[in-house]
Amino acid sequence: MRQPIIQRLLLAILMLGLAAVPAMAQDNAETAPIRAADEQFVKAFNAGKADEIAAMFLAKGELIDEEGNVHQGQVAIKDLLTKFFAKFPGVKLTVEVESIRVLGPVAIEEGTRYTTTKDGADQSQVRYIAVRTKVGNAWPIVSLQDMSDDPEPTPNDHLQVLAWLVGDWANESPDAAVKISYRWSEDKNFLLGDFNITRGGSVVMKSTQRIGWDPLAGKVRSWMFDSDGGYADGNWTQVDDAWVIKSSAVMPDGQTGSATVTMKPKDKNSFTMKGTERIVGDGREDDFEVTVVRPAPAPGK
């Protein structure tokens, strides 16, 4: 009983596939002249021919740049492109056409354009929408609008303002010695910190910290875990040239705490760390301020 059912399903799929062929062929026939016009546009652009590109617009066609400036008419468009090619000689263009919708005598085309300087050092990309109209066998441009298509910043991009932390740091006082080391995670999306606190040569506390970008809050956040079982998290805000960290913590005994920590670079080899509004349980702790420095390199290094 199963075999006839399978055969009918296969036959239905085959018939659907065959039925789709004429529609695809019709779509190609409609869009082929537009795709040819796009190829001609790219060819003229890469040859720096502003006049040929301008002629691909209607006499009163418009080009709207990323800033919303409207350049209307072939003369204005040619002038704009002439200045562009003079500023960026040898610039090259590639186009990715994502969709073309033909609605009678009007076609709406969407895609992305990439321009690369002659030396290949700079590349920009813009989203575009082109409205074309059919005139005889041609499809001149009525309106071409560019829109910024810069890629979204990565977590690493957001953390670059804290890249100065990478490396080894230390602070020594009569009470304790603190060694801090920051590095990038393997995926470059987090800053990882190791804290080692000693007193009289004995380890008092070890902590690890992870600093990352919180896309939900739109802020830098950190999470710290202590060797005694305590943990803390912090919300980072940049204020002028300092970072203000609102931190909350849980102690191993279940008590909670909070503090405001301000980190301010002094130069490339030192920064200050100031703690205020420090509360543990129901009590207030004293404020503190320390200077953290990069240790001098070992002799011979």
C-alpha atoms as a PDB file:
ATOM      1  CA  MET A   1       0.000   0.000   0.000  1.00  0.00           C
ATOM      2  CA  ARG A   2       2.898   2.401   0.708  1.00  0.00           C
ATOM      3  CA  GLN A   3       4.517   2.178  -2.715  1.00  0.00           C
ATOM      4  CA  PRO A   4       1.647   3.818  -4.697  1.00  0.00           C
ATOM      5  CA  ILE A   5       1.549   6.671  -2.167  1.00  0.00           C
ATOM      6  CA  ILE A   6       5.276   7.306  -2.570  1.00  0.00           C
ATOM      7  CA  GLN A   7       4.954   7.193  -6.360  1.00  0.00           C
ATOM      8  CA  ARG A   8       2.125   9.730  -6.282  1.00  0.00           C
ATOM      9  CA  LEU A   9       4.168  12.040  -4.059  1.00  0.00           C
ATOM     10  CA  LEU A  10       7.165  11.835  -6.404  1.00  0.00           C
ATOM     11  CA  LEU A  11       4.920  12.499  -9.388  1.00  0.00           C
ATOM     12  CA  ALA A  12       3.363  15.518  -7.666  1.00  0.00           C
ATOM     13  CA  ILE A  13       6.812  16.951  -6.856  1.00  0.00           C
ATOM     14  CA  LEU A  14       7.947  16.397 -10.454  1.00  0.00           C
ATOM     15  CA  MET A  15       4.850  18.105 -11.841  1.00  0.00           C
ATOM     16  CA  LEU A  16       5.352  21.076  -9.498  1.00  0.00           C
ATOM     17  CA  GLY A  17       8.948  21.366 -10.665  1.00  0.00           C
ATOM     18  CA  LEU A  18       7.954  21.287 -14.323  1.00  0.00           C
ATOM     19  CA  ALA A  19       5.192  23.813 -13.717  1.00  0.00           C
ATOM     20  CA  ALA A  20       7.717  26.210 -12.253  1.00  0.00           C
ATOM     21  CA  VAL A  21       9.964  26.239 -15.311  1.00  0.00           C
ATOM     22  CA  PRO A  22       7.876  28.565 -17.517  1.00  0.00           C
ATOM     23  CA  ALA A  23       7.499  31.049 -14.646  1.00  0.00           C
ATOM     24  CA  MET A  24      11.274  31.141 -14.100  1.00  0.00           C
ATOM     25  CA  ALA A  25      11.916  31.577 -17.796  1.00  0.00           C
ATOM     26  CA  GLN A  26       9.404  34.418 -17.932  1.00  0.00           C
ATOM     27  CA  ASP A  27      11.054  36.111 -14.941  1.00  0.00           C
ATOM     28  CA  ASN A  28      14.477  35.861 -16.616  1.00  0.00           C
ATOM     29  CA  ALA A  29      13.109  37.328 -19.836  1.00  0.00           C
ATOM     30  CA  GLU A  30      11.689  40.298 -17.926  1.00  0.00           C
ATOM     31  CA  THR A  31      14.745  40.986 -15.820  1.00  0.00           C
ATOM     32  CA  ALA A  32      17.485  40.211 -18.351  1.00  0.00           C
ATOM     33  CA  PRO A  33      17.537  43.757 -19.851  1.00  0.00           C
ATOM     34  CA  ILE A  34      17.751  45.239 -16.347  1.00  0.00           C
ATOM     35  CA  ARG A  35      20.621  42.973 -15.363  1.00  0.00           C
ATOM     36  CA  ALA A  36      22.363  43.918 -18.611  1.00  0.00           C
ATOM     37  CA  ALA A  37      21.895  47.590 -17.696  1.00  0.00           C
ATOM     38  CA  ASP A  38      23.472  46.895 -14.304  1.00  0.00           C
ATOM     39  CA  GLU A  39      26.477  45.307 -15.997  1.00  0.00           C
ATOM     40  CA  GLN A  40      26.828  48.342 -18.241  1.00  0.00           C
ATOM     41  CA  PHE A  41      26.606  50.600 -15.180  1.00  0.00           C
ATOM     42  CA  VAL A  42      29.463  48.713 -13.485  1.00  0.00           C
ATOM     43  CA  LYS A  43      31.553  48.736 -16.667  1.00  0.00           C
ATOM     44  CA  ALA A  44      31.134  52.504 -17.119  1.00  0.00           C
ATOM     45  CA  PHE A  45      31.854  53.141 -13.429  1.00  0.00           C
ATOM     46  CA  ASN A  46      35.060  51.113 -13.460  1.00  0.00           C
ATOM     47  CA  ALA A  47      36.160  53.032 -16.563  1.00  0.00           C
ATOM     48  CA  GLY A  48      35.465  56.342 -14.786  1.00  0.00           C
ATOM     49  CA  LYS A  49      32.944  57.454 -17.428  1.00  0.00           C
ATOM     50  CA  ALA A  50      30.670  59.863 -15.610  1.00  0.00           C
ATOM     51  CA  ASP A  51      28.866  60.886 -18.801  1.00  0.00           C
ATOM     52  CA  GLU A  52      27.875  57.292 -19.664  1.00  0.00           C
ATOM     53  CA  ILE A  53      26.512  56.687 -16.175  1.00  0.00           C
ATOM     54  CA  ALA A  54      24.539  59.940 -16.196  1.00  0.00           C
ATOM     55  CA  ALA A  55      23.012  58.943 -19.537  1.00  0.00           C
ATOM     56  CA  MET A  56      21.581  55.824 -17.864  1.00  0.00           C
ATOM     57  CA  PHE A  57      19.216  58.069 -15.889  1.00  0.00           C
ATOM     58  CA  LEU A  58      16.105  59.776 -17.201  1.00  0.00           C
ATOM     59  CA  ALA A  59      16.691  63.401 -18.130  1.00  0.00           C
ATOM     60  CA  LYS A  60      15.167  64.433 -14.786  1.00  0.00           C
ATOM     61  CA  GLY A  61      16.221  61.319 -12.897  1.00  0.00           C
ATOM     62  CA  GLU A  62      17.659  61.589  -9.415  1.00  0.00           C
ATOM     63  CA  LEU A  63      20.484  60.163  -7.358  1.00  0.00           C
ATOM     64  CA  ILE A  64      20.067  60.359  -3.573  1.00  0.00           C
ATOM     65  CA  ASP A  65      23.274  59.816  -1.611  1.00  0.00           C
ATOM     66  CA  GLU A  66      23.686  58.321   1.866  1.00  0.00           C
ATOM     67  CA  GLU A  67      23.274  61.708   3.549  1.00  0.00           C
ATOM     68  CA  GLY A  68      19.967  62.296   1.782  1.00  0.00           C
ATOM     69  CA  ASN A  69      21.316  64.872  -0.692  1.00  0.00           C
ATOM     70  CA  VAL A  70      19.332  64.833  -3.940  1.00  0.00           C
ATOM     71  CA  HIS A  71      21.193  65.262  -7.233  1.00  0.00           C
ATOM     72  CA  GLN A  72      18.545  65.708  -9.915  1.00  0.00           C
ATOM     73  CA  GLY A  73      19.063  65.634 -13.657  1.00  0.00           C
ATOM     74  CA  GLN A  74      21.750  64.129 -15.822  1.00  0.00           C
ATOM     75  CA  VAL A  75      23.941  67.258 -15.626  1.00  0.00           C
ATOM     76  CA  ALA A  76      23.983  67.258 -11.803  1.00  0.00           C
ATOM     77  CA  ILE A  77      24.641  63.509 -11.675  1.00  0.00           C
ATOM     78  CA  LYS A  78      27.478  63.768 -14.190  1.00  0.00           C
ATOM     79  CA  ASP A  79      29.041  66.629 -12.198  1.00  0.00           C
ATOM     80  CA  LEU A  80      28.824  64.619  -8.972  1.00  0.00           C
ATOM     81  CA  LEU A  81      30.446  61.544 -10.525  1.00  0.00           C
ATOM     82  CA  THR A  82      33.145  63.576 -12.292  1.00  0.00           C
ATOM     83  CA  LYS A  83      34.245  64.998  -8.934  1.00  0.00           C
ATOM     84  CA  PHE A  84      34.088  61.543  -7.365  1.00  0.00           C
ATOM     85  CA  PHE A  85      36.309  59.956 -10.028  1.00  0.00           C
ATOM     86  CA  ALA A  86      38.769  62.845  -9.753  1.00  0.00           C
ATOM     87  CA  LYS A  87      39.018  62.292  -5.997  1.00  0.00           C
ATOM     88  CA  PHE A  88      39.216  58.499  -6.242  1.00  0.00           C
ATOM     89  CA  PRO A  89      40.914  57.629  -9.543  1.00  0.00           C
ATOM     90  CA  GLY A  90      40.855  53.938 -10.369  1.00  0.00           C
ATOM     91  CA  VAL A  91      38.069  53.132  -7.903  1.00  0.00           C
ATOM     92  CA  LYS A  92      36.271  49.870  -8.688  1.00  0.00           C
ATOM     93  CA  LEU A  93      32.649  48.849  -8.247  1.00  0.00           C
ATOM     94  CA  THR A  94      30.933  45.518  -7.754  1.00  0.00           C
ATOM     95  CA  VAL A  95      27.180  45.045  -7.402  1.00  0.00           C
ATOM     96  CA  GLU A  96      25.109  42.330  -5.770  1.00  0.00           C
ATOM     97  CA  VAL A  97      21.546  42.503  -7.085  1.00  0.00           C
ATOM     98  CA  GLU A  98      19.234  40.924  -4.532  1.00  0.00           C
ATOM     99  CA  SER A  99      15.844  41.396  -6.153  1.00  0.00           C
ATOM    100  CA  ILE A 100      14.167  42.882  -9.221  1.00  0.00           C
ATOM    101  CA  ARG A 101      10.393  43.337  -9.270  1.00  0.00           C
ATOM    102  CA  VAL A 102       8.820  44.227 -12.581  1.00  0.00           C
ATOM    103  CA  LEU A 103       5.441  45.938 -12.175  1.00  0.00           C
ATOM    104  CA  GLY A 104       4.302  46.710 -15.694  1.00  0.00           C
ATOM    105  CA  PRO A 105       6.384  49.611 -17.041  1.00  0.00           C
ATOM    106  CA  VAL A 106       8.146  50.074 -13.654  1.00  0.00           C
ATOM    107  CA  ALA A 107      10.889  47.956 -12.095  1.00  0.00           C
ATOM    108  CA  ILE A 108      12.150  48.145  -8.505  1.00  0.00           C
ATOM    109  CA  GLU A 109      15.645  46.823  -7.927  1.00  0.00           C
ATOM    110  CA  GLU A 110      17.366  46.318  -4.583  1.00  0.00           C
ATOM    111  CA  GLY A 111      20.897  45.275  -3.753  1.00  0.00           C
ATOM    112  CA  THR A 112      24.302  46.225  -2.366  1.00  0.00           C
ATOM    113  CA  ARG A 113      27.134  48.100  -4.060  1.00  0.00           C
ATOM    114  CA  TYR A 114      30.786  47.787  -3.023  1.00  0.00           C
ATOM    115  CA  THR A 115      33.439  50.329  -4.000  1.00  0.00           C
ATOM    116  CA  THR A 116      37.147  49.671  -3.515  1.00  0.00           C
ATOM    117  CA  THR A 117      39.966  52.177  -3.915  1.00  0.00           C
ATOM    118  CA  LYS A 118      42.663  51.522  -6.494  1.00  0.00           C
ATOM    119  CA  ASP A 119      45.193  50.398  -3.866  1.00  0.00           C
ATOM    120  CA  GLY A 120      42.591  48.166  -2.206  1.00  0.00           C
ATOM    121  CA  ALA A 121      43.110  49.884   1.141  1.00  0.00           C
ATOM    122  CA  ASP A 122      39.540  51.116   1.587  1.00  0.00           C
ATOM    123  CA  GLN A 123      36.216  49.533   0.785  1.00  0.00           C
ATOM    124  CA  SER A 124      32.735  50.862   1.388  1.00  0.00           C
ATOM    125  CA  GLN A 125      29.357  49.286   0.909  1.00  0.00           C
ATOM    126  CA  VAL A 126      25.899  50.791   0.517  1.00  0.00           C
ATOM    127  CA  ARG A 127      22.443  49.367   0.178  1.00  0.00           C
ATOM    128  CA  TYR A 128      20.553  50.787  -2.780  1.00  0.00           C
ATOM    129  CA  ILE A 129      17.071  50.920  -4.247  1.00  0.00           C
ATOM    130  CA  ALA A 130      16.750  51.744  -7.949  1.00  0.00           C
ATOM    131  CA  VAL A 131      13.445  52.592  -9.610  1.00  0.00           C
ATOM    132  CA  ARG A 132      13.493  52.089 -13.367  1.00  0.00           C
ATOM    133  CA  THR A 133      10.935  52.720 -16.089  1.00  0.00           C
ATOM    134  CA  LYS A 134      10.637  51.059 -19.460  1.00  0.00           C
ATOM    135  CA  VAL A 135      11.340  53.323 -22.439  1.00  0.00           C
ATOM    136  CA  GLY A 136      11.279  51.286 -25.647  1.00  0.00           C
ATOM    137  CA  ASN A 137      13.581  48.360 -24.961  1.00  0.00           C
ATOM    138  CA  ALA A 138      15.623  50.208 -22.334  1.00  0.00           C
ATOM    139  CA  TRP A 139      15.154  50.596 -18.573  1.00  0.00           C
ATOM    140  CA  PRO A 140      16.608  54.001 -17.577  1.00  0.00           C
ATOM    141  CA  ILE A 141      16.861  54.911 -13.888  1.00  0.00           C
ATOM    142  CA  VAL A 142      14.181  57.194 -12.466  1.00  0.00           C
ATOM    143  CA  SER A 143      15.609  57.248  -8.945  1.00  0.00           C
ATOM    144  CA  LEU A 144      18.666  55.679  -7.328  1.00  0.00           C
ATOM    145  CA  GLN A 145      18.832  55.934  -3.539  1.00  0.00           C
ATOM    146  CA  ASP A 146      21.834  54.895  -1.473  1.00  0.00           C
ATOM    147  CA  MET A 147      21.560  53.880   2.183  1.00  0.00           C
ATOM    148  CA  SER A 148      24.361  53.219   4.630  1.00  0.00           C
ATOM    149  CA  ASP A 149      25.035  49.514   5.059  1.00  0.00           C
ATOM    150  CA  ASP A 150      27.895  49.544   7.528  1.00  0.00           C
ATOM    151  CA  PRO A 151      28.137  46.200   9.314  1.00  0.00           C
ATOM    152  CA  GLU A 152      26.978  46.103  12.926  1.00  0.00           C
ATOM    153  CA  PRO A 153      29.853  46.538  15.409  1.00  0.00           C
ATOM    154  CA  THR A 154      31.116  43.237  16.798  1.00  0.00           C
ATOM    155  CA  PRO A 155      31.586  42.617  20.544  1.00  0.00           C
ATOM    156  CA  ASN A 156      35.299  43.096  19.898  1.00  0.00           C
ATOM    157  CA  ASP A 157      34.615  46.498  18.300  1.00  0.00           C
ATOM    158  CA  HIS A 158      32.703  47.608  21.396  1.00  0.00           C
ATOM    159  CA  LEU A 159      35.562  46.519  23.669  1.00  0.00           C
ATOM    160  CA  GLN A 160      38.363  48.248  21.766  1.00  0.00           C
ATOM    161  CA  VAL A 161      38.031  51.253  24.116  1.00  0.00           C
ATOM    162  CA  LEU A 162      39.292  48.922  26.858  1.00  0.00           C
ATOM    163  CA  ALA A 163      42.099  47.321  24.858  1.00  0.00           C
ATOM    164  CA  TRP A 164      44.588  49.342  26.916  1.00  0.00           C
ATOM    165  CA  LEU A 165      43.945  46.906  29.788  1.00  0.00           C
ATOM    166  CA  VAL A 166      45.660  44.014  27.983  1.00  0.00           C
ATOM    167  CA  GLY A 167      48.896  43.044  29.678  1.00  0.00           C
ATOM    168  CA  ASP A 168      50.261  42.620  33.198  1.00  0.00           C
ATOM    169  CA  TRP A 169      49.646  45.037  36.077  1.00  0.00           C
ATOM    170  CA  ALA A 170      50.588  45.221  39.734  1.00  0.00           C
ATOM    171  CA  ASN A 171      49.959  47.152  42.934  1.00  0.00           C
ATOM    172  CA  GLU A 172      51.918  46.651  46.112  1.00  0.00           C
ATOM    173  CA  SER A 173      51.063  48.101  49.511  1.00  0.00           C
ATOM    174  CA  PRO A 174      51.985  47.276  53.094  1.00  0.00           C
ATOM    175  CA  ASP A 175      48.747  45.271  53.346  1.00  0.00           C
ATOM    176  CA  ALA A 176      48.876  43.143  50.212  1.00  0.00           C
ATOM    177  CA  ALA A 177      50.322  42.686  46.739  1.00  0.00           C
ATOM    178  CA  VAL A 178      47.941  42.499  43.781  1.00  0.00           C
ATOM    179  CA  LYS A 179      48.906  41.164  40.387  1.00  0.00           C
ATOM    180  CA  ILE A 180      46.490  41.562  37.492  1.00  0.00           C
ATOM    181  CA  SER A 181      46.750  40.147  33.971  1.00  0.00           C
ATOM    182  CA  TYR A 182      44.341  40.870  31.092  1.00  0.00           C
ATOM    183  CA  ARG A 183      44.177  39.121  27.721  1.00  0.00           C
ATOM    184  CA  TRP A 184      41.723  38.666  24.871  1.00  0.00           C
ATOM    185  CA  SER A 185      39.624  35.517  24.787  1.00  0.00           C
ATOM    186  CA  GLU A 186      40.332  33.144  21.909  1.00  0.00           C
ATOM    187  CA  ASP A 187      37.332  34.477  19.959  1.00  0.00           C
ATOM    188  CA  LYS A 188      38.338  38.117  20.739  1.00  0.00           C
ATOM    189  CA  ASN A 189      34.838  38.830  22.061  1.00  0.00           C
ATOM    190  CA  PHE A 190      35.817  39.132  25.739  1.00  0.00           C
ATOM    191  CA  LEU A 191      38.601  40.510  27.885  1.00  0.00           C
ATOM    192  CA  LEU A 192      39.720  37.960  30.467  1.00  0.00           C
ATOM    193  CA  GLY A 193      41.339  39.068  33.706  1.00  0.00           C
ATOM    194  CA  ASP A 194      43.214  37.105  36.372  1.00  0.00           C
ATOM    195  CA  PHE A 195      43.701  38.624  39.838  1.00  0.00           C
ATOM    196  CA  ASN A 196      46.200  37.223  42.346  1.00  0.00           C
ATOM    197  CA  ILE A 197      46.267  38.763  45.839  1.00  0.00           C
ATOM    198  CA  THR A 198      49.049  37.796  48.259  1.00  0.00           C
ATOM    199  CA  ARG A 199      49.968  38.867  51.771  1.00  0.00           C
ATOM    200  CA  GLY A 200      53.363  38.030  53.241  1.00  0.00           C
ATOM    201  CA  GLY A 201      54.043  35.731  50.320  1.00  0.00           C
ATOM    202  CA  SER A 202      50.881  33.690  50.870  1.00  0.00           C
ATOM    203  CA  VAL A 203      47.947  33.674  48.476  1.00  0.00           C
ATOM    204  CA  VAL A 204      44.925  35.385  49.989  1.00  0.00           C
ATOM    205  CA  MET A 205      42.567  35.369  47.010  1.00  0.00           C
ATOM    206  CA  LYS A 206      42.460  34.478  43.357  1.00  0.00           C
ATOM    207  CA  SER A 207      39.772  35.841  41.069  1.00  0.00           C
ATOM    208  CA  THR A 208      38.907  35.617  37.403  1.00  0.00           C
ATOM    209  CA  GLN A 209      37.019  38.278  35.474  1.00  0.00           C
ATOM    210  CA  ARG A 210      35.287  38.323  32.118  1.00  0.00           C
ATOM    211  CA  ILE A 211      34.487  41.668  30.482  1.00  0.00           C
ATOM    212  CA  GLY A 212      32.062  41.666  27.557  1.00  0.00           C
ATOM    213  CA  TRP A 213      29.499  43.650  25.606  1.00  0.00           C
ATOM    214  CA  ASP A 214      25.886  43.227  26.713  1.00  0.00           C
ATOM    215  CA  PRO A 215      23.787  43.786  23.542  1.00  0.00           C
ATOM    216  CA  LEU A 216      20.554  43.830  25.538  1.00  0.00           C
ATOM    217  CA  ALA A 217      21.656  46.629  27.879  1.00  0.00           C
ATOM    218  CA  GLY A 218      23.884  48.289  25.288  1.00  0.00           C
ATOM    219  CA  LYS A 219      26.691  48.471  27.860  1.00  0.00           C
ATOM    220  CA  VAL A 220      29.977  46.895  28.793  1.00  0.00           C
ATOM    221  CA  ARG A 221      29.518  44.398  31.624  1.00  0.00           C
ATOM    222  CA  SER A 222      31.839  42.292  33.739  1.00  0.00           C
ATOM    223  CA  TRP A 223      31.523  39.123  35.768  1.00  0.00           C
ATOM    224  CA  MET A 224      34.024  38.178  38.490  1.00  0.00           C
ATOM    225  CA  PHE A 225      34.391  34.877  40.349  1.00  0.00           C
ATOM    226  CA  ASP A 226      36.481  34.557  43.500  1.00  0.00           C
ATOM    227  CA  SER A 227      38.340  31.472  44.674  1.00  0.00           C
ATOM    228  CA  ASP A 228      36.414  31.521  47.982  1.00  0.00           C
ATOM    229  CA  GLY A 229      33.059  31.143  46.177  1.00  0.00           C
ATOM    230  CA  GLY A 230      32.010  34.784  46.017  1.00  0.00           C
ATOM    231  CA  TYR A 231      31.072  36.483  42.804  1.00  0.00           C
ATOM    232  CA  ALA A 232      30.260  39.942  41.433  1.00  0.00           C
ATOM    233  CA  ASP A 233      29.012  41.663  38.316  1.00  0.00           C
ATOM    234  CA  GLY A 234      29.484  45.214  37.126  1.00  0.00           C
ATOM    235  CA  ASN A 235      27.959  47.660  34.676  1.00  0.00           C
ATOM    236  CA  TRP A 236      30.579  49.851  32.999  1.00  0.00           C
ATOM    237  CA  THR A 237      29.967  53.423  31.827  1.00  0.00           C
ATOM    238  CA  GLN A 238      32.586  55.641  30.208  1.00  0.00           C
ATOM    239  CA  VAL A 239      32.597  59.137  31.646  1.00  0.00           C
ATOM    240  CA  ASP A 240      35.102  61.399  29.895  1.00  0.00           C
ATOM    241  CA  ASP A 241      38.440  59.562  30.158  1.00  0.00           C
ATOM    242  CA  ALA A 242      37.411  57.300  33.045  1.00  0.00           C
ATOM    243  CA  TRP A 243      35.298  54.181  33.481  1.00  0.00           C
ATOM    244  CA  VAL A 244      32.703  54.094  36.246  1.00  0.00           C
ATOM    245  CA  ILE A 245      31.729  50.558  37.296  1.00  0.00           C
ATOM    246  CA  LYS A 246      28.601  49.983  39.366  1.00  0.00           C
ATOM    247  CA  SER A 247      29.331  46.659  41.002  1.00  0.00           C
ATOM    248  CA  SER A 248      27.207  44.284  43.076  1.00  0.00           C
ATOM    249  CA  ALA A 249      28.577  41.221  44.837  1.00  0.00           C
ATOM    250  CA  VAL A 250      27.596  38.130  46.771  1.00  0.00           C
ATOM    251  CA  MET A 251      29.930  36.917  49.533  1.00  0.00           C
ATOM    252  CA  PRO A 252      30.533  33.227  50.326  1.00  0.00           C
ATOM    253  CA  ASP A 253      28.392  33.591  53.481  1.00  0.00           C
ATOM    254  CA  GLY A 254      25.454  34.986  51.529  1.00  0.00           C
ATOM    255  CA  GLN A 255      25.954  38.638  52.398  1.00  0.00           C
ATOM    256  CA  THR A 256      25.566  41.090  49.567  1.00  0.00           C
ATOM    257  CA  GLY A 257      27.654  44.096  48.753  1.00  0.00           C
ATOM    258  CA  SER A 258      27.877  46.976  46.302  1.00  0.00           C
ATOM    259  CA  ALA A 259      30.399  49.595  45.287  1.00  0.00           C
ATOM    260  CA  THR A 260      31.265  52.193  42.696  1.00  0.00           C
ATOM    261  CA  VAL A 261      34.701  51.643  41.190  1.00  0.00           C
ATOM    262  CA  THR A 262      36.291  54.295  38.983  1.00  0.00           C
ATOM    263  CA  MET A 263      39.192  53.319  36.727  1.00  0.00           C
ATOM    264  CA  LYS A 264      41.115  56.131  35.086  1.00  0.00           C
ATOM    265  CA  PRO A 265      44.216  55.708  32.887  1.00  0.00           C
ATOM    266  CA  LYS A 266      47.073  58.027  33.847  1.00  0.00           C
ATOM    267  CA  ASP A 267      49.322  56.998  30.966  1.00  0.00           C
ATOM    268  CA  LYS A 268      49.991  53.823  28.983  1.00  0.00           C
ATOM    269  CA  ASN A 269      51.737  52.240  31.978  1.00  0.00           C
ATOM    270  CA  SER A 270      49.476  53.139  34.890  1.00  0.00           C
ATOM    271  CA  PHE A 271      45.895  53.757  35.965  1.00  0.00           C
ATOM    272  CA  THR A 272      44.119  54.653  39.168  1.00  0.00           C
ATOM    273  CA  MET A 273      41.391  52.580  40.758  1.00  0.00           C
ATOM    274  CA  LYS A 274      39.091  54.323  43.212  1.00  0.00           C
ATOM    275  CA  GLY A 275      36.385  52.611  45.258  1.00  0.00           C
ATOM    276  CA  THR A 276      33.486  54.586  46.744  1.00  0.00           C
ATOM    277  CA  GLU A 277      29.985  53.880  48.089  1.00  0.00           C
ATOM    278  CA  ARG A 278      31.207  50.531  49.388  1.00  0.00           C
ATOM    279  CA  ILE A 279      28.565  48.651  51.336  1.00  0.00           C
ATOM    280  CA  VAL A 280      28.819  45.100  52.689  1.00  0.00           C
ATOM    281  CA  GLY A 281      25.718  43.724  54.353  1.00  0.00           C
ATOM    282  CA  ASP A 282      24.388  46.593  56.474  1.00  0.00           C
ATOM    283  CA  GLY A 283      27.760  48.279  56.962  1.00  0.00           C
ATOM    284  CA  ARG A 284      29.716  50.883  55.032  1.00  0.00           C
ATOM    285  CA  GLU A 285      33.333  50.264  54.105  1.00  0.00           C
ATOM    286  CA  ASP A 286      36.016  52.936  53.752  1.00  0.00           C
ATOM    287  CA  ASP A 287      36.773  54.418  50.363  1.00  0.00           C
ATOM    288  CA  PHE A 288      40.105  53.565  48.745  1.00  0.00           C
ATOM    289  CA  GLU A 289      42.283  54.735  45.875  1.00  0.00           C
ATOM    290  CA  VAL A 290      45.306  52.899  44.481  1.00  0.00           C
ATOM    291  CA  THR A 291      47.586  53.266  41.489  1.00  0.00           C
ATOM    292  CA  VAL A 292      48.144  50.183  39.355  1.00  0.00           C
ATOM    293  CA  VAL A 293      51.244  50.042  37.142  1.00  0.00           C
ATOM    294  CA  ARG A 294      52.828  47.808  34.546  1.00  0.00           C
ATOM    295  CA  PRO A 295      55.784  46.005  36.137  1.00  0.00           C
ATOM    296  CA  ALA A 296      59.177  46.844  34.705  1.00  0.00           C
ATOM    297  CA  PRO A 297      60.386  44.166  32.265  1.00  0.00           C
ATOM    298  CA  ALA A 298      62.783  41.614  33.651  1.00  0.00           C
ATOM    299  CA  PRO A 299      66.485  42.239  32.873  1.00  0.00           C
ATOM    300  CA  GLY A 300      67.405  41.042  29.408  1.00  0.00           C
ATOM    301  CA  LYS A 301      63.849  41.230  28.064  1.00  0.00           C
END
